[in-house]
């Protein structure tokens, strides 16, 4: 296990709900003038009946997005509230990006068939993901995230954009946020439950959703940029304008080796001792455990050592790397860490 991991501020339990809008039902007060529509939201959750959306005459069922996107979960523990003005500022806004899902082998997965219009199949078009707008804010210790997907459709005119909306709120002792906007949410007991990480670099960030048990499962990535002030999703995703990182090659293990200097922030979940800051250096000669390498320098790593389990998300960008990790001892969450690494002198 990396010697530098020895894990600022935690959230309360999270709740999940989803809603969908048909092709004629769009959010009001849209930030794009051509897209004004009155809002009519149809809500569903769990395994309720599946609504049907139309893609230019083709009916496509829309199910709860949590089926393939582990970005939310059931209640995760007792109240452990916090408030940090820097974190609030780093998280709040409308974020524009692209979403893709990768399998345990690191290969991009096609979107579910139910989202693909018949015309796309006839043309041999296989969408690799979704254009997305994410509305996020932190208020009274609760992280609110609304994801609006633009489902594949024939044509890019406003009336062709079919949005799917899911809303998640995060709070509890298993969920921790750092002042720069990095976030780690997940179970307080290790198991096949969803985990959710935000890695932030100024006005750019990546959100990773995944499940980890004996192995790393599918990983959903949303790579996004800050676009405007928070308006709770009253803006639709663009059509075909997202960054198609899904189709790029994954990074290499060698990119993570060598000498690194680091600054770390740790939260001891058991003692609730607040932020513990440290700095140091390490020489990484090999990668311990199992690592899933993904495009844009992203990675998810699982390290099991005796009764300890480390689950880590990383984002390498040129000569710096941001890492957020969760440490479990005997199945219980004990620490959450964030580490910022800089390439050192070999």
Protein backbone atom coordinates (compact mmCIF):
# COMPACT_ATOMS: atom_id res chain seq x y z
CA UNK A 1 0.00 0.00 0.00
CA UNK A 2 1.37 3.45 -0.85
CA UNK A 3 3.32 4.76 2.16
CA UNK A 4 1.89 8.24 1.61
CA UNK A 5 -1.65 7.17 2.42
CA UNK A 6 -1.93 7.68 6.14
CA UNK A 7 -6.50 10.14 4.65
CA UNK A 8 -11.63 17.52 5.01
CA UNK A 9 -14.90 17.65 5.56
CA UNK A 10 -17.72 15.12 5.39
CA UNK A 11 -21.30 15.02 4.09
CA UNK A 12 -24.75 13.19 5.55
CA UNK A 13 -26.94 9.82 3.78
CA UNK A 14 -27.80 10.00 0.16
CA UNK A 15 -31.10 9.67 -1.65
CA UNK A 16 -31.78 9.04 -5.32
CA UNK A 17 -34.63 9.98 -7.59
CA UNK A 18 -35.01 10.25 -11.33
CA UNK A 19 -37.29 12.08 -13.69
CA UNK A 20 -37.69 12.18 -17.44
CA UNK A 21 -39.11 14.64 -19.93
CA UNK A 22 -40.61 13.65 -23.24
CA UNK A 23 -39.50 15.27 -26.48
CA UNK A 24 -42.11 18.02 -26.21
CA UNK A 25 -41.43 18.73 -22.53
CA UNK A 26 -38.35 20.88 -21.87
CA UNK A 27 -37.22 22.94 -18.86
CA UNK A 28 -38.49 26.50 -18.63
CA UNK A 29 -36.24 29.60 -18.47
CA UNK A 30 -33.65 27.85 -20.62
CA UNK A 31 -30.31 29.55 -20.98
CA UNK A 32 -30.36 28.94 -24.73
CA UNK A 33 -33.02 31.30 -26.24
CA UNK A 34 -34.06 28.78 -28.92
CA UNK A 35 -34.95 26.15 -26.33
CA UNK A 36 -37.70 27.75 -24.20
CA UNK A 37 -40.41 25.30 -23.12
CA UNK A 38 -42.68 24.88 -20.10
CA UNK A 39 -41.47 22.25 -17.69
CA UNK A 40 -43.51 19.09 -17.00
CA UNK A 41 -41.65 16.52 -14.96
CA UNK A 42 -42.70 12.87 -14.71
CA UNK A 43 -41.01 11.24 -11.74
CA UNK A 44 -40.22 7.61 -11.16
CA UNK A 45 -37.84 5.70 -8.91
CA UNK A 46 -36.71 2.22 -8.03
CA UNK A 47 -38.34 -0.40 -10.25
CA UNK A 48 -41.50 1.49 -11.06
CA UNK A 49 -43.06 1.37 -14.50
CA UNK A 50 -40.72 2.47 -17.29
CA UNK A 51 -41.79 5.60 -19.21
CA UNK A 52 -41.36 5.74 -22.97
CA UNK A 53 -39.64 8.52 -24.89
CA UNK A 54 -39.84 9.19 -28.60
CA UNK A 55 -36.85 9.65 -30.89
CA UNK A 56 -38.36 11.06 -34.08
CA UNK A 57 -41.11 8.45 -34.15
CA UNK A 58 -39.15 5.59 -32.52
CA UNK A 59 -40.25 4.62 -29.02
CA UNK A 60 -37.36 4.00 -26.66
CA UNK A 61 -38.01 2.95 -23.04
CA UNK A 62 -36.16 4.94 -20.39
CA UNK A 63 -35.37 3.15 -17.15
CA UNK A 64 -33.85 4.32 -13.87
CA UNK A 65 -30.35 5.46 -14.81
CA UNK A 66 -28.89 3.81 -11.70
CA UNK A 67 -29.15 0.46 -13.51
CA UNK A 68 -25.92 1.12 -15.39
CA UNK A 69 -24.66 4.28 -13.67
CA UNK A 70 -23.66 3.68 -10.04
CA UNK A 71 -23.72 7.35 -9.12
CA UNK A 72 -26.11 7.07 -6.19
CA UNK A 73 -27.06 4.62 -3.45
CA UNK A 74 -29.11 3.92 -0.36
CA UNK A 75 -28.58 5.52 3.05
CA UNK A 76 -24.93 5.50 4.07
CA UNK A 77 -24.80 6.28 7.74
CA UNK A 78 -25.42 8.76 10.50
CA UNK A 79 -25.30 12.54 10.28
CA UNK A 80 -21.83 14.06 10.14
CA UNK A 81 -22.52 17.53 8.76
CA UNK A 82 -20.16 20.28 7.65
CA UNK A 83 -20.01 23.52 5.75
CA UNK A 84 -17.00 25.04 3.99
CA UNK A 85 -17.24 28.21 1.91
CA UNK A 86 -14.36 27.23 -0.41
CA UNK A 87 -15.95 23.87 -1.13
CA UNK A 88 -19.32 25.52 -1.77
CA UNK A 89 -17.73 27.83 -4.33
CA UNK A 90 -15.77 25.01 -6.01
CA UNK A 91 -18.82 22.79 -6.48
CA UNK A 92 -21.65 25.17 -7.34
CA UNK A 93 -22.67 25.79 -10.95
CA UNK A 94 -23.78 24.28 -14.23
CA UNK A 95 -21.15 21.91 -15.62
CA UNK A 96 -21.14 20.87 -19.30
CA UNK A 97 -19.56 17.59 -20.36
CA UNK A 98 -19.71 14.11 -21.82
CA UNK A 99 -20.47 10.78 -20.13
CA UNK A 100 -19.13 7.34 -21.01
CA UNK A 101 -18.94 3.94 -19.30
CA UNK A 102 -16.02 1.51 -19.29
CA UNK A 103 -15.93 -2.20 -18.49
CA UNK A 104 -13.58 -3.92 -16.02
CA UNK A 105 -11.12 -4.41 -18.90
CA UNK A 106 -10.93 -0.66 -19.51
CA UNK A 107 -12.76 -0.79 -22.83
CA UNK A 108 -15.56 1.65 -23.58
CA UNK A 109 -19.06 0.16 -23.46
CA UNK A 110 -21.82 1.10 -25.91
CA UNK A 111 -24.82 2.86 -24.46
CA UNK A 112 -27.83 0.57 -23.72
CA UNK A 113 -29.81 -0.41 -26.81
CA UNK A 114 -32.97 1.17 -25.44
CA UNK A 115 -31.42 4.61 -25.97
CA UNK A 116 -30.43 4.04 -29.61
CA UNK A 117 -32.93 5.21 -32.28
CA UNK A 118 -33.71 2.76 -35.08
CA UNK A 119 -32.30 5.23 -37.60
CA UNK A 120 -28.90 5.02 -35.91
CA UNK A 121 -28.89 1.24 -36.28
CA UNK A 122 -29.77 1.53 -39.96
CA UNK A 123 -26.90 3.99 -40.48
CA UNK A 124 -24.45 1.91 -38.42
CA UNK A 125 -24.06 4.68 -35.84
CA UNK A 126 -23.09 3.46 -32.35
CA UNK A 127 -23.19 6.31 -29.77
CA UNK A 128 -20.33 6.10 -27.27
CA UNK A 129 -21.99 8.15 -24.55
CA UNK A 130 -24.16 11.13 -23.67
CA UNK A 131 -23.80 14.91 -23.71
CA UNK A 132 -24.52 15.99 -20.13
CA UNK A 133 -25.23 19.08 -18.05
CA UNK A 134 -24.68 18.67 -14.30
CA UNK A 135 -26.22 21.11 -11.83
CA UNK A 136 -24.47 20.90 -8.47
CA UNK A 137 -24.46 22.86 -5.26
CA UNK A 138 -23.67 22.41 -1.58
CA UNK A 139 -26.20 23.84 0.87
CA UNK A 140 -26.52 23.22 4.60
CA UNK A 141 -24.14 20.26 4.43
CA UNK A 142 -26.00 18.46 1.63
CA UNK A 143 -24.48 17.95 -1.82
CA UNK A 144 -27.15 18.22 -4.52
CA UNK A 145 -26.40 16.83 -8.00
CA UNK A 146 -28.82 16.95 -10.94
CA UNK A 147 -27.64 15.24 -14.12
CA UNK A 148 -29.40 16.02 -17.40
CA UNK A 149 -28.49 13.77 -20.32
CA UNK A 150 -29.23 14.51 -23.95
CA UNK A 151 -30.42 11.18 -25.29
CA UNK A 152 -29.36 10.26 -28.84
CA UNK A 153 -31.80 11.66 -31.36
CA UNK A 154 -32.09 12.23 -35.09
CA UNK A 155 -31.28 15.88 -35.75
CA UNK A 156 -29.79 18.60 -33.55
CA UNK A 157 -32.61 21.11 -33.62
CA UNK A 158 -34.05 22.11 -30.26
CA UNK A 159 -37.18 19.99 -30.55
CA UNK A 160 -35.05 16.88 -31.21
CA UNK A 161 -33.21 17.10 -27.87
CA UNK A 162 -34.69 14.53 -25.47
CA UNK A 163 -33.46 15.07 -21.89
CA UNK A 164 -33.30 12.48 -19.12
CA UNK A 165 -32.92 13.84 -15.60
CA UNK A 166 -31.65 12.17 -12.42
CA UNK A 167 -31.27 13.83 -9.02
CA UNK A 168 -29.06 12.66 -6.17
CA UNK A 169 -28.33 14.17 -2.77
CA UNK A 170 -25.32 13.18 -0.67
CA UNK A 171 -24.77 13.51 3.06
CA UNK A 172 -23.33 11.41 5.89
CA UNK A 173 -20.13 10.20 7.51
CA UNK A 174 -19.17 8.12 4.47
CA UNK A 175 -19.08 11.19 2.23
CA UNK A 176 -16.23 13.70 2.33
CA UNK A 177 -15.55 16.94 0.45
CA UNK A 178 -12.29 18.89 0.16
CA UNK A 179 -11.90 22.66 -0.22
CA UNK A 180 -10.78 22.47 -3.88
CA UNK A 181 -14.00 20.67 -4.90
CA UNK A 182 -12.77 17.07 -4.78
CA UNK A 183 -15.38 14.74 -3.27
CA UNK A 184 -15.53 11.11 -2.16
CA UNK A 185 -18.90 9.46 -1.52
CA UNK A 186 -19.52 5.80 -0.79
CA UNK A 187 -20.45 3.13 1.76
CA UNK A 188 -19.13 3.05 5.30
CA UNK A 189 -19.02 -0.75 5.03
CA UNK A 190 -16.98 -2.20 2.17
CA UNK A 191 -18.95 -4.19 -0.38
CA UNK A 192 -20.57 -4.11 -3.77
CA UNK A 193 -22.17 -0.69 -3.22
CA UNK A 194 -21.81 2.39 -5.43
CA UNK A 195 -18.97 4.85 -4.90
CA UNK A 196 -18.83 8.31 -6.39
CA UNK A 197 -15.76 10.54 -6.76
CA UNK A 198 -15.23 14.08 -8.05
CA UNK A 199 -11.68 15.06 -9.02
CA UNK A 200 -11.32 18.78 -9.68
CA UNK A 201 -8.80 20.99 -11.47
CA UNK A 202 -10.01 24.57 -11.29
CA UNK A 203 -12.94 24.92 -13.68
CA UNK A 204 -12.53 21.36 -14.99
CA UNK A 205 -13.54 18.21 -13.17
CA UNK A 206 -14.25 14.54 -13.67
CA UNK A 207 -16.92 12.49 -11.91
CA UNK A 208 -16.40 8.75 -11.55
CA UNK A 209 -19.09 6.28 -10.47
CA UNK A 210 -18.27 2.62 -9.86
CA UNK A 211 -18.79 -0.44 -7.70
CA UNK A 212 -15.94 -2.34 -6.06
CA UNK A 213 -16.09 -5.66 -4.23
CA UNK A 214 -13.71 -8.50 -5.03
CA UNK A 215 -12.88 -6.62 -8.25
CA UNK A 216 -13.49 -3.30 -9.95
CA UNK A 217 -16.77 -3.24 -11.88
CA UNK A 218 -17.93 -0.90 -14.63
CA UNK A 219 -16.77 2.71 -14.28
CA UNK A 220 -18.91 5.63 -15.47
CA UNK A 221 -16.99 8.83 -16.20
CA UNK A 222 -18.37 12.32 -16.75
CA UNK A 223 -15.69 14.75 -17.90
CA UNK A 224 -16.97 18.30 -17.62
CA UNK A 225 -16.18 22.02 -17.48
CA UNK A 226 -17.83 24.80 -15.49
CA UNK A 227 -20.22 26.62 -17.80
CA UNK A 228 -22.28 29.12 -15.81
CA UNK A 229 -23.85 29.99 -12.48
CA UNK A 230 -26.17 27.45 -10.87
CA UNK A 231 -29.70 27.47 -12.36
CA UNK A 232 -30.84 23.97 -11.31
CA UNK A 233 -30.73 22.41 -14.75
CA UNK A 234 -32.65 25.09 -16.63
CA UNK A 235 -30.34 24.52 -19.59
CA UNK A 236 -30.20 21.58 -21.97
CA UNK A 237 -27.03 19.72 -22.98
CA UNK A 238 -25.65 20.52 -26.41
CA UNK A 239 -26.09 18.18 -29.35
CA UNK A 240 -22.81 16.51 -30.31
CA UNK A 241 -20.69 19.21 -28.69
CA UNK A 242 -19.21 17.17 -25.84
CA UNK A 243 -15.60 16.05 -25.56
CA UNK A 244 -15.49 12.48 -26.94
CA UNK A 245 -12.71 11.30 -24.61
CA UNK A 246 -14.34 7.86 -24.51
CA UNK A 247 -12.76 6.98 -27.85
CA UNK A 248 -9.21 7.83 -26.75
CA UNK A 249 -6.51 5.39 -25.64
CA UNK A 250 -5.95 4.69 -21.96
CA UNK A 251 -2.88 5.88 -20.07
CA UNK A 252 0.06 3.62 -19.22
CA UNK A 253 1.27 2.25 -15.89
CA UNK A 254 4.73 3.67 -16.57
CA UNK A 255 3.24 7.18 -16.41
CA UNK A 256 2.56 6.69 -12.69
CA UNK A 257 5.99 5.37 -11.68
CA UNK A 258 9.02 7.24 -10.45
CA UNK A 259 9.58 10.04 -7.96
CA UNK A 260 6.68 12.20 -6.78
CA UNK A 261 6.29 14.97 -4.20
CA UNK A 262 2.87 15.23 -2.60
CA UNK A 263 0.59 17.24 -0.33
CA UNK A 264 -2.09 15.21 1.44
CA UNK A 265 -5.30 15.92 3.35
CA UNK A 266 -6.71 13.10 5.49
CA UNK A 267 -9.98 12.58 7.34
CA UNK A 268 -10.09 10.01 10.14
CA UNK A 269 -13.69 8.78 10.04
CA UNK A 270 -13.48 6.91 13.35
CA UNK A 271 -12.10 9.76 15.46
CA UNK A 272 -13.74 12.61 13.50
CA UNK A 273 -10.55 14.57 14.09
CA UNK A 274 -11.00 16.94 11.14
CA UNK A 275 -8.39 17.64 8.48
CA UNK A 276 -4.89 16.27 8.93
CA UNK A 277 -2.45 17.82 6.45
CA UNK A 278 0.92 16.36 5.49
CA UNK A 279 3.49 16.50 2.72
CA UNK A 280 6.37 14.34 1.57
CA UNK A 281 7.78 12.39 -1.33
CA UNK A 282 7.71 8.83 -2.63
CA UNK A 283 9.42 6.75 -5.27
CA UNK A 284 6.84 4.51 -6.89
CA UNK A 285 8.62 1.51 -8.41
CA UNK A 286 5.48 -0.48 -9.13
CA UNK A 287 1.72 -0.25 -8.85
CA UNK A 288 0.35 -2.39 -6.04
CA UNK A 289 -3.02 -4.13 -6.33
CA UNK A 290 -5.23 -4.02 -9.40
CA UNK A 291 -5.45 -0.81 -11.40
CA UNK A 292 -7.92 -0.01 -14.16
CA UNK A 293 -6.37 2.50 -16.56
CA UNK A 294 -8.72 4.78 -18.47
CA UNK A 295 -8.44 7.66 -20.99
CA UNK A 296 -7.22 11.15 -20.02
CA UNK A 297 -4.96 9.80 -17.30
CA UNK A 298 -7.86 8.52 -15.20
CA UNK A 299 -7.61 5.37 -13.12
CA UNK A 300 -9.35 3.32 -10.43
CA UNK A 301 -7.25 1.10 -8.17
CA UNK A 302 -8.08 -1.62 -5.64
CA UNK A 303 -5.46 -2.76 -3.10
CA UNK A 304 -6.15 -5.56 -0.61
CA UNK A 305 -3.59 -6.16 2.13
CA UNK A 306 -4.66 -8.45 4.95
CA UNK A 307 -7.83 -6.95 6.44
CA UNK A 308 -7.21 -3.57 4.78
CA UNK A 309 -8.73 -2.46 1.48
CA UNK A 310 -7.82 0.73 -0.37
CA UNK A 311 -10.09 2.07 -3.14
CA UNK A 312 -8.45 4.88 -5.11
CA UNK A 313 -9.45 7.21 -7.97
CA UNK A 314 -6.72 9.14 -9.78
CA UNK A 315 -6.39 11.80 -12.47
CA UNK A 316 -2.99 12.30 -14.11
CA UNK A 317 -2.52 15.51 -16.11
CA UNK A 318 0.98 16.12 -17.52
CA UNK A 319 3.29 16.14 -14.49
CA UNK A 320 0.68 16.39 -11.74
CA UNK A 321 -1.84 13.91 -10.36
CA UNK A 322 -4.88 14.22 -8.09
CA UNK A 323 -5.79 11.15 -6.03
CA UNK A 324 -8.79 10.50 -3.76
CA UNK A 325 -8.89 7.27 -1.75
CA UNK A 326 -11.02 5.41 0.77
CA UNK A 327 -9.37 3.09 3.29
CA UNK A 328 -11.31 0.24 4.90
CA UNK A 329 -10.17 -1.84 7.88
CA UNK A 330 -12.01 -5.09 8.59
CA UNK A 331 -14.74 -3.95 6.22
CA UNK A 332 -15.31 -0.53 7.84
CA UNK A 333 -14.36 2.86 6.44
CA UNK A 334 -11.63 4.42 8.57
CA UNK A 335 -10.05 7.14 6.40
CA UNK A 336 -10.73 9.25 3.33
CA UNK A 337 -7.74 10.92 1.69
CA UNK A 338 -6.92 13.42 -1.01
CA UNK A 339 -3.39 13.70 -2.37
CA UNK A 340 -1.98 16.13 -4.93
CA UNK A 341 1.20 14.77 -6.52
CA UNK A 342 3.89 16.60 -8.50
CA UNK A 343 6.52 14.84 -10.57
CA UNK A 344 9.78 14.93 -8.60
CA UNK A 345 13.42 14.50 -9.56
CA UNK A 346 14.30 10.85 -10.27
